[in-house]
């Protein structure tokens, strides 16, 4: 879906660059050190519990720690937990959403169940446009076929395998569509065999609105940060 990729590229150009390179606070720096110590253990449950320490982190270096866990931990549930914590971090520009999309896109194409879980996890992200564009593009590559009725041939065989394959394709589409609707509610809530086309039409009509909302949020944060910097300078 080329128009999705074009919209996605335009978004990255307009909102990806950080507003400013804020210095990490001593408290968050200390938290990073404590996390590194707590995380480097063989027990996966302890590693997962350690991730909670970084919930609410604001510095990009802390986000990189979470991204590292989400991409390299040997256990899938720990990787998902790290991704989930990362998705909830407070963002001030599009770099956060881009980081989420990069991790999501690195999943194997056939890991559709995992992709659906990651899509659901991205719902808290404030900057939506790049995430929505990516999920719509993924959905456009899937099918939601009609489920055939059970039939028996003259030699006693059935089309049970074809039914199973169609049901699997429908579930994969349904799960990813639910993830998209968790991130940004679309007009396609109940999937049918026409849904891939409907999602594309919906996105074409809505993409500019989603991008505009991200840009508005970015400008809001730019203004707030400029005012905070001015106040801090005046207080010296």
C-alpha atoms as a PDB file:
ATOM      1  CA  UNK A   1       0.000   0.000   0.000  1.00  0.00           C
ATOM      2  CA  UNK A   2       2.273   2.753  -1.356  1.00  0.00           C
ATOM      3  CA  UNK A   3       0.181   5.713  -0.171  1.00  0.00           C
ATOM      4  CA  UNK A   4       0.563   4.456   3.408  1.00  0.00           C
ATOM      5  CA  UNK A   5       4.331   4.427   3.120  1.00  0.00           C
ATOM      6  CA  UNK A   6       4.374   7.913   1.593  1.00  0.00           C
ATOM      7  CA  UNK A   7       2.242   9.280   4.446  1.00  0.00           C
ATOM      8  CA  UNK A   8       4.470   7.502   6.934  1.00  0.00           C
ATOM      9  CA  UNK A   9       7.621   9.053   5.426  1.00  0.00           C
ATOM     10  CA  UNK A  10       6.055  12.509   5.497  1.00  0.00           C
ATOM     11  CA  UNK A  11       5.222  12.079   9.170  1.00  0.00           C
ATOM     12  CA  UNK A  12       8.759  11.038  10.066  1.00  0.00           C
ATOM     13  CA  UNK A  13      10.188  14.095   8.316  1.00  0.00           C
ATOM     14  CA  UNK A  14       7.846  16.433  10.192  1.00  0.00           C
ATOM     15  CA  UNK A  15       7.840  14.993  13.716  1.00  0.00           C
ATOM     16  CA  UNK A  16      10.728  12.575  14.170  1.00  0.00           C
ATOM     17  CA  UNK A  17      13.497  14.966  15.191  1.00  0.00           C
ATOM     18  CA  UNK A  18      13.609  15.468  18.968  1.00  0.00           C
ATOM     19  CA  UNK A  19      12.472  18.853  20.227  1.00  0.00           C
ATOM     20  CA  UNK A  20      15.600  19.144  22.357  1.00  0.00           C
ATOM     21  CA  UNK A  21      18.210  16.883  23.864  1.00  0.00           C
ATOM     22  CA  UNK A  22      17.211  17.210  27.502  1.00  0.00           C
ATOM     23  CA  UNK A  23      19.762  16.044  30.030  1.00  0.00           C
ATOM     24  CA  UNK A  24      18.918  12.974  32.048  1.00  0.00           C
ATOM     25  CA  UNK A  25      18.052  13.674  35.675  1.00  0.00           C
ATOM     26  CA  UNK A  26      20.243  12.223  38.437  1.00  0.00           C
ATOM     27  CA  UNK A  27      17.219  10.259  39.668  1.00  0.00           C
ATOM     28  CA  UNK A  28      16.619   8.598  36.323  1.00  0.00           C
ATOM     29  CA  UNK A  29      20.328   7.918  35.856  1.00  0.00           C
ATOM     30  CA  UNK A  30      20.362   6.158  39.221  1.00  0.00           C
ATOM     31  CA  UNK A  31      17.258   4.223  38.205  1.00  0.00           C
ATOM     32  CA  UNK A  32      19.016   2.993  35.076  1.00  0.00           C
ATOM     33  CA  UNK A  33      21.889   1.639  37.155  1.00  0.00           C
ATOM     34  CA  UNK A  34      19.501  -0.096  39.540  1.00  0.00           C
ATOM     35  CA  UNK A  35      17.589  -1.576  36.621  1.00  0.00           C
ATOM     36  CA  UNK A  36      20.729  -2.928  34.958  1.00  0.00           C
ATOM     37  CA  UNK A  37      21.647  -4.693  38.174  1.00  0.00           C
ATOM     38  CA  UNK A  38      18.150  -6.111  38.740  1.00  0.00           C
ATOM     39  CA  UNK A  39      17.711  -7.200  35.113  1.00  0.00           C
ATOM     40  CA  UNK A  40      20.933  -9.159  34.687  1.00  0.00           C
ATOM     41  CA  UNK A  41      19.675 -12.355  36.296  1.00  0.00           C
ATOM     42  CA  UNK A  42      18.798 -15.748  34.776  1.00  0.00           C
ATOM     43  CA  UNK A  43      15.254 -15.867  36.193  1.00  0.00           C
ATOM     44  CA  UNK A  44      12.859 -14.516  33.554  1.00  0.00           C
ATOM     45  CA  UNK A  45      10.228 -13.494  36.096  1.00  0.00           C
ATOM     46  CA  UNK A  46      12.768 -11.353  37.948  1.00  0.00           C
ATOM     47  CA  UNK A  47      13.837  -9.787  34.660  1.00  0.00           C
ATOM     48  CA  UNK A  48      10.216  -9.006  33.852  1.00  0.00           C
ATOM     49  CA  UNK A  49       9.643  -7.517  37.313  1.00  0.00           C
ATOM     50  CA  UNK A  50      12.700  -5.291  36.863  1.00  0.00           C
ATOM     51  CA  UNK A  51      11.064  -3.612  33.867  1.00  0.00           C
ATOM     52  CA  UNK A  52       8.495  -1.961  36.149  1.00  0.00           C
ATOM     53  CA  UNK A  53      11.324   0.150  37.557  1.00  0.00           C
ATOM     54  CA  UNK A  54      11.491   2.041  34.243  1.00  0.00           C
ATOM     55  CA  UNK A  55       7.777   2.767  34.006  1.00  0.00           C
ATOM     56  CA  UNK A  56       7.280   6.496  33.444  1.00  0.00           C
ATOM     57  CA  UNK A  57      10.865   7.144  32.310  1.00  0.00           C
ATOM     58  CA  UNK A  58      11.300  10.306  30.251  1.00  0.00           C
ATOM     59  CA  UNK A  59      14.818  10.132  28.852  1.00  0.00           C
ATOM     60  CA  UNK A  60      15.547   8.558  25.482  1.00  0.00           C
ATOM     61  CA  UNK A  61      18.493   6.601  26.902  1.00  0.00           C
ATOM     62  CA  UNK A  62      16.084   4.806  29.248  1.00  0.00           C
ATOM     63  CA  UNK A  63      13.809   4.068  26.304  1.00  0.00           C
ATOM     64  CA  UNK A  64      16.815   2.556  24.534  1.00  0.00           C
ATOM     65  CA  UNK A  65      17.335   0.239  27.511  1.00  0.00           C
ATOM     66  CA  UNK A  66      13.756  -0.981  27.164  1.00  0.00           C
ATOM     67  CA  UNK A  67      14.109  -1.301  23.401  1.00  0.00           C
ATOM     68  CA  UNK A  68      17.204  -3.416  23.924  1.00  0.00           C
ATOM     69  CA  UNK A  69      15.282  -5.803  26.166  1.00  0.00           C
ATOM     70  CA  UNK A  70      12.321  -5.842  23.751  1.00  0.00           C
ATOM     71  CA  UNK A  71      14.595  -6.870  20.892  1.00  0.00           C
ATOM     72  CA  UNK A  72      17.094  -9.197  22.546  1.00  0.00           C
ATOM     73  CA  UNK A  73      15.742 -10.921  25.676  1.00  0.00           C
ATOM     74  CA  UNK A  74      15.625 -14.700  25.091  1.00  0.00           C
ATOM     75  CA  UNK A  75      12.047 -14.990  26.398  1.00  0.00           C
ATOM     76  CA  UNK A  76       9.134 -13.774  24.256  1.00  0.00           C
ATOM     77  CA  UNK A  77       6.989 -12.716  27.221  1.00  0.00           C
ATOM     78  CA  UNK A  78       9.812 -10.607  28.650  1.00  0.00           C
ATOM     79  CA  UNK A  79      10.301  -8.940  25.256  1.00  0.00           C
ATOM     80  CA  UNK A  80       6.582  -8.147  25.086  1.00  0.00           C
ATOM     81  CA  UNK A  81       6.610  -6.833  28.671  1.00  0.00           C
ATOM     82  CA  UNK A  82       9.500  -4.503  27.826  1.00  0.00           C
ATOM     83  CA  UNK A  83       7.699  -3.305  24.714  1.00  0.00           C
ATOM     84  CA  UNK A  84       4.539  -2.685  26.741  1.00  0.00           C
ATOM     85  CA  UNK A  85       6.386  -0.574  29.306  1.00  0.00           C
ATOM     86  CA  UNK A  86       8.116   1.342  26.513  1.00  0.00           C
ATOM     87  CA  UNK A  87       4.801   2.077  24.791  1.00  0.00           C
ATOM     88  CA  UNK A  88       3.492   3.756  27.961  1.00  0.00           C
ATOM     89  CA  UNK A  89       6.430   6.127  28.389  1.00  0.00           C
ATOM     90  CA  UNK A  90       5.590   9.856  28.077  1.00  0.00           C
ATOM     91  CA  UNK A  91       6.685  11.118  24.639  1.00  0.00           C
ATOM     92  CA  UNK A  92       7.292  14.693  23.519  1.00  0.00           C
ATOM     93  CA  UNK A  93       7.807  14.023  19.808  1.00  0.00           C
ATOM     94  CA  UNK A  94       7.585  11.324  17.147  1.00  0.00           C
ATOM     95  CA  UNK A  95      10.825   9.535  18.028  1.00  0.00           C
ATOM     96  CA  UNK A  96       9.014   7.399  20.599  1.00  0.00           C
ATOM     97  CA  UNK A  97       6.402   6.145  18.128  1.00  0.00           C
ATOM     98  CA  UNK A  98       9.136   5.537  15.561  1.00  0.00           C
ATOM     99  CA  UNK A  99      11.002   3.390  18.072  1.00  0.00           C
ATOM    100  CA  UNK A 100       7.855   1.324  18.696  1.00  0.00           C
ATOM    101  CA  UNK A 101       7.221   0.892  14.976  1.00  0.00           C
ATOM    102  CA  UNK A 102      10.819  -0.195  14.404  1.00  0.00           C
ATOM    103  CA  UNK A 103      10.528  -2.905  17.062  1.00  0.00           C
ATOM    104  CA  UNK A 104       7.138  -4.007  15.739  1.00  0.00           C
ATOM    105  CA  UNK A 105       8.379  -4.122  12.150  1.00  0.00           C
ATOM    106  CA  UNK A 106      11.383  -6.234  13.170  1.00  0.00           C
ATOM    107  CA  UNK A 107       9.045  -9.102  14.105  1.00  0.00           C
ATOM    108  CA  UNK A 108       8.953 -11.950  11.616  1.00  0.00           C
ATOM    109  CA  UNK A 109       6.137 -11.642   9.044  1.00  0.00           C
ATOM    110  CA  UNK A 110       4.655 -14.974  10.100  1.00  0.00           C
ATOM    111  CA  UNK A 111       4.520 -13.987  13.795  1.00  0.00           C
ATOM    112  CA  UNK A 112       0.997 -12.685  13.340  1.00  0.00           C
ATOM    113  CA  UNK A 113      -0.218 -13.492  16.847  1.00  0.00           C
ATOM    114  CA  UNK A 114       2.798 -11.697  18.314  1.00  0.00           C
ATOM    115  CA  UNK A 115       2.250  -8.752  15.964  1.00  0.00           C
ATOM    116  CA  UNK A 116      -1.325  -8.449  17.207  1.00  0.00           C
ATOM    117  CA  UNK A 117      -0.141  -8.360  20.828  1.00  0.00           C
ATOM    118  CA  UNK A 118       2.430  -5.688  20.001  1.00  0.00           C
ATOM    119  CA  UNK A 119      -0.209  -3.680  18.136  1.00  0.00           C
ATOM    120  CA  UNK A 120      -2.479  -3.732  21.196  1.00  0.00           C
ATOM    121  CA  UNK A 121       0.447  -2.679  23.375  1.00  0.00           C
ATOM    122  CA  UNK A 122       1.058   0.460  21.282  1.00  0.00           C
ATOM    123  CA  UNK A 123      -2.346   1.916  22.200  1.00  0.00           C
ATOM    124  CA  UNK A 124      -1.010   4.309  24.913  1.00  0.00           C
ATOM    125  CA  UNK A 125       1.369   6.077  22.510  1.00  0.00           C
ATOM    126  CA  UNK A 126       0.360   9.725  22.123  1.00  0.00           C
ATOM    127  CA  UNK A 127       1.789  10.067  18.631  1.00  0.00           C
ATOM    128  CA  UNK A 128      -0.375   7.863  16.439  1.00  0.00           C
ATOM    129  CA  UNK A 129       0.262   8.536  12.753  1.00  0.00           C
ATOM    130  CA  UNK A 130       3.278   6.340  12.042  1.00  0.00           C
ATOM    131  CA  UNK A 131       1.811   3.486  14.098  1.00  0.00           C
ATOM    132  CA  UNK A 132      -1.562   3.661  12.336  1.00  0.00           C
ATOM    133  CA  UNK A 133       0.101   3.829   8.909  1.00  0.00           C
ATOM    134  CA  UNK A 134       2.164   0.728   9.667  1.00  0.00           C
ATOM    135  CA  UNK A 135      -0.775  -1.311  10.982  1.00  0.00           C
ATOM    136  CA  UNK A 136      -2.979  -0.322   8.029  1.00  0.00           C
ATOM    137  CA  UNK A 137      -0.214  -1.364   5.659  1.00  0.00           C
ATOM    138  CA  UNK A 138       0.018  -4.740   7.418  1.00  0.00           C
ATOM    139  CA  UNK A 139      -3.743  -5.257   7.293  1.00  0.00           C
ATOM    140  CA  UNK A 140      -3.796  -4.482   3.578  1.00  0.00           C
ATOM    141  CA  UNK A 141      -1.546  -7.502   3.038  1.00  0.00           C
ATOM    142  CA  UNK A 142      -3.865  -9.903   4.880  1.00  0.00           C
ATOM    143  CA  UNK A 143      -7.130 -11.501   3.808  1.00  0.00           C
ATOM    144  CA  UNK A 144     -10.438 -12.039   5.580  1.00  0.00           C
ATOM    145  CA  UNK A 145     -11.936 -14.818   3.441  1.00  0.00           C
ATOM    146  CA  UNK A 146     -15.442 -16.177   3.609  1.00  0.00           C
ATOM    147  CA  UNK A 147     -15.603 -19.410   5.597  1.00  0.00           C
ATOM    148  CA  UNK A 148     -16.772 -22.191   3.249  1.00  0.00           C
ATOM    149  CA  UNK A 149     -19.446 -24.634   4.322  1.00  0.00           C
ATOM    150  CA  UNK A 150     -18.366 -28.161   5.102  1.00  0.00           C
ATOM    151  CA  UNK A 151     -18.647 -30.315   1.990  1.00  0.00           C
ATOM    152  CA  UNK A 152     -17.924 -33.945   1.255  1.00  0.00           C
ATOM    153  CA  UNK A 153     -16.715 -35.207  -2.081  1.00  0.00           C
ATOM    154  CA  UNK A 154     -17.747 -38.426  -3.776  1.00  0.00           C
ATOM    155  CA  UNK A 155     -14.633 -40.194  -2.488  1.00  0.00           C
ATOM    156  CA  UNK A 156     -15.469 -39.355   1.122  1.00  0.00           C
ATOM    157  CA  UNK A 157     -12.998 -36.503   1.615  1.00  0.00           C
ATOM    158  CA  UNK A 158     -14.024 -33.089   2.996  1.00  0.00           C
ATOM    159  CA  UNK A 159     -12.875 -29.497   2.704  1.00  0.00           C
ATOM    160  CA  UNK A 160     -12.141 -29.348   6.448  1.00  0.00           C
ATOM    161  CA  UNK A 161      -8.564 -28.220   5.824  1.00  0.00           C
ATOM    162  CA  UNK A 162      -9.743 -25.325   3.638  1.00  0.00           C
ATOM    163  CA  UNK A 163     -12.175 -24.279   6.384  1.00  0.00           C
ATOM    164  CA  UNK A 164      -9.404 -24.394   8.977  1.00  0.00           C
ATOM    165  CA  UNK A 165      -7.114 -22.293   6.776  1.00  0.00           C
ATOM    166  CA  UNK A 166      -9.834 -19.699   6.183  1.00  0.00           C
ATOM    167  CA  UNK A 167     -10.648 -19.518   9.895  1.00  0.00           C
ATOM    168  CA  UNK A 168      -6.954 -18.984  10.692  1.00  0.00           C
ATOM    169  CA  UNK A 169      -6.715 -16.142   8.170  1.00  0.00           C
ATOM    170  CA  UNK A 170      -9.840 -14.503   9.614  1.00  0.00           C
ATOM    171  CA  UNK A 171      -8.521 -14.704  13.193  1.00  0.00           C
ATOM    172  CA  UNK A 172      -5.186 -13.208  12.178  1.00  0.00           C
ATOM    173  CA  UNK A 173      -6.966 -10.296  10.509  1.00  0.00           C
ATOM    174  CA  UNK A 174      -9.443  -9.868  13.395  1.00  0.00           C
ATOM    175  CA  UNK A 175      -6.658  -9.751  15.988  1.00  0.00           C
ATOM    176  CA  UNK A 176      -4.587  -7.185  14.103  1.00  0.00           C
ATOM    177  CA  UNK A 177      -7.675  -5.091  13.374  1.00  0.00           C
ATOM    178  CA  UNK A 178      -8.431  -5.084  17.106  1.00  0.00           C
ATOM    179  CA  UNK A 179      -4.890  -3.818  17.682  1.00  0.00           C
ATOM    180  CA  UNK A 180      -5.380  -1.001  15.181  1.00  0.00           C
ATOM    181  CA  UNK A 181      -8.685  -0.022  16.794  1.00  0.00           C
ATOM    182  CA  UNK A 182      -6.978   0.035  20.186  1.00  0.00           C
ATOM    183  CA  UNK A 183      -4.450   2.547  18.832  1.00  0.00           C
ATOM    184  CA  UNK A 184      -6.962   4.608  16.829  1.00  0.00           C
ATOM    185  CA  UNK A 185     -10.632   3.749  16.427  1.00  0.00           C
ATOM    186  CA  UNK A 186     -11.529   3.156  12.789  1.00  0.00           C
ATOM    187  CA  UNK A 187     -14.863   2.788  11.047  1.00  0.00           C
ATOM    188  CA  UNK A 188     -14.170  -0.930  10.538  1.00  0.00           C
ATOM    189  CA  UNK A 189     -15.014  -2.662  13.795  1.00  0.00           C
ATOM    190  CA  UNK A 190     -16.504  -6.002  12.654  1.00  0.00           C
ATOM    191  CA  UNK A 191     -14.348  -7.637   9.984  1.00  0.00           C
ATOM    192  CA  UNK A 192     -15.723  -9.160   6.775  1.00  0.00           C
ATOM    193  CA  UNK A 193     -14.145 -10.304   3.507  1.00  0.00           C
ATOM    194  CA  UNK A 194     -14.383  -6.649   2.352  1.00  0.00           C
ATOM    195  CA  UNK A 195     -12.483  -5.299   5.359  1.00  0.00           C
ATOM    196  CA  UNK A 196      -8.989  -5.077   3.775  1.00  0.00           C
ATOM    197  CA  UNK A 197     -10.392  -2.759   1.109  1.00  0.00           C
ATOM    198  CA  UNK A 198     -12.513  -0.842   3.636  1.00  0.00           C
ATOM    199  CA  UNK A 199      -9.495  -0.216   5.869  1.00  0.00           C
ATOM    200  CA  UNK A 200      -7.589   1.214   2.913  1.00  0.00           C
ATOM    201  CA  UNK A 201     -10.443   3.564   2.020  1.00  0.00           C
ATOM    202  CA  UNK A 202     -10.826   4.633   5.644  1.00  0.00           C
ATOM    203  CA  UNK A 203      -7.129   5.417   5.890  1.00  0.00           C
ATOM    204  CA  UNK A 204      -7.083   7.432   2.685  1.00  0.00           C
ATOM    205  CA  UNK A 205      -9.891   9.583   4.094  1.00  0.00           C
ATOM    206  CA  UNK A 206      -8.419   9.895   7.600  1.00  0.00           C
ATOM    207  CA  UNK A 207      -4.613   9.931   7.259  1.00  0.00           C
ATOM    208  CA  UNK A 208      -4.321  13.721   6.969  1.00  0.00           C
ATOM    209  CA  UNK A 209      -6.373  14.168  10.148  1.00  0.00           C
ATOM    210  CA  UNK A 210      -4.163  11.761  12.096  1.00  0.00           C
ATOM    211  CA  UNK A 211      -0.968  13.423  10.889  1.00  0.00           C
ATOM    212  CA  UNK A 212      -2.395  16.870  11.712  1.00  0.00           C
ATOM    213  CA  UNK A 213      -3.178  15.727  15.266  1.00  0.00           C
ATOM    214  CA  UNK A 214       0.402  14.577  15.740  1.00  0.00           C
ATOM    215  CA  UNK A 215       1.747  17.872  14.422  1.00  0.00           C
ATOM    216  CA  UNK A 216      -0.568  19.824  16.726  1.00  0.00           C
ATOM    217  CA  UNK A 217       0.619  17.801  19.707  1.00  0.00           C
ATOM    218  CA  UNK A 218       4.231  18.375  18.697  1.00  0.00           C
ATOM    219  CA  UNK A 219       3.698  22.143  18.482  1.00  0.00           C
ATOM    220  CA  UNK A 220       2.016  22.106  21.887  1.00  0.00           C
ATOM    221  CA  UNK A 221       5.021  20.419  23.468  1.00  0.00           C
ATOM    222  CA  UNK A 222       7.438  22.740  21.653  1.00  0.00           C
ATOM    223  CA  UNK A 223       5.627  25.750  23.105  1.00  0.00           C
ATOM    224  CA  UNK A 224       5.540  24.266  26.609  1.00  0.00           C
ATOM    225  CA  UNK A 225       9.250  23.420  26.504  1.00  0.00           C
ATOM    226  CA  UNK A 226      10.168  26.877  25.203  1.00  0.00           C
ATOM    227  CA  UNK A 227       8.192  28.529  28.003  1.00  0.00           C
ATOM    228  CA  UNK A 228       9.772  26.219  30.597  1.00  0.00           C
ATOM    229  CA  UNK A 229      13.259  27.015  29.295  1.00  0.00           C
ATOM    230  CA  UNK A 230      12.514  30.743  29.377  1.00  0.00           C
ATOM    231  CA  UNK A 231      11.230  30.525  32.958  1.00  0.00           C
ATOM    232  CA  UNK A 232      14.270  28.542  34.050  1.00  0.00           C
ATOM    233  CA  UNK A 233      16.608  31.084  32.493  1.00  0.00           C
ATOM    234  CA  UNK A 234      14.785  33.978  34.176  1.00  0.00           C
ATOM    235  CA  UNK A 235      15.028  32.232  37.554  1.00  0.00           C
ATOM    236  CA  UNK A 236      18.832  32.094  37.431  1.00  0.00           C
END
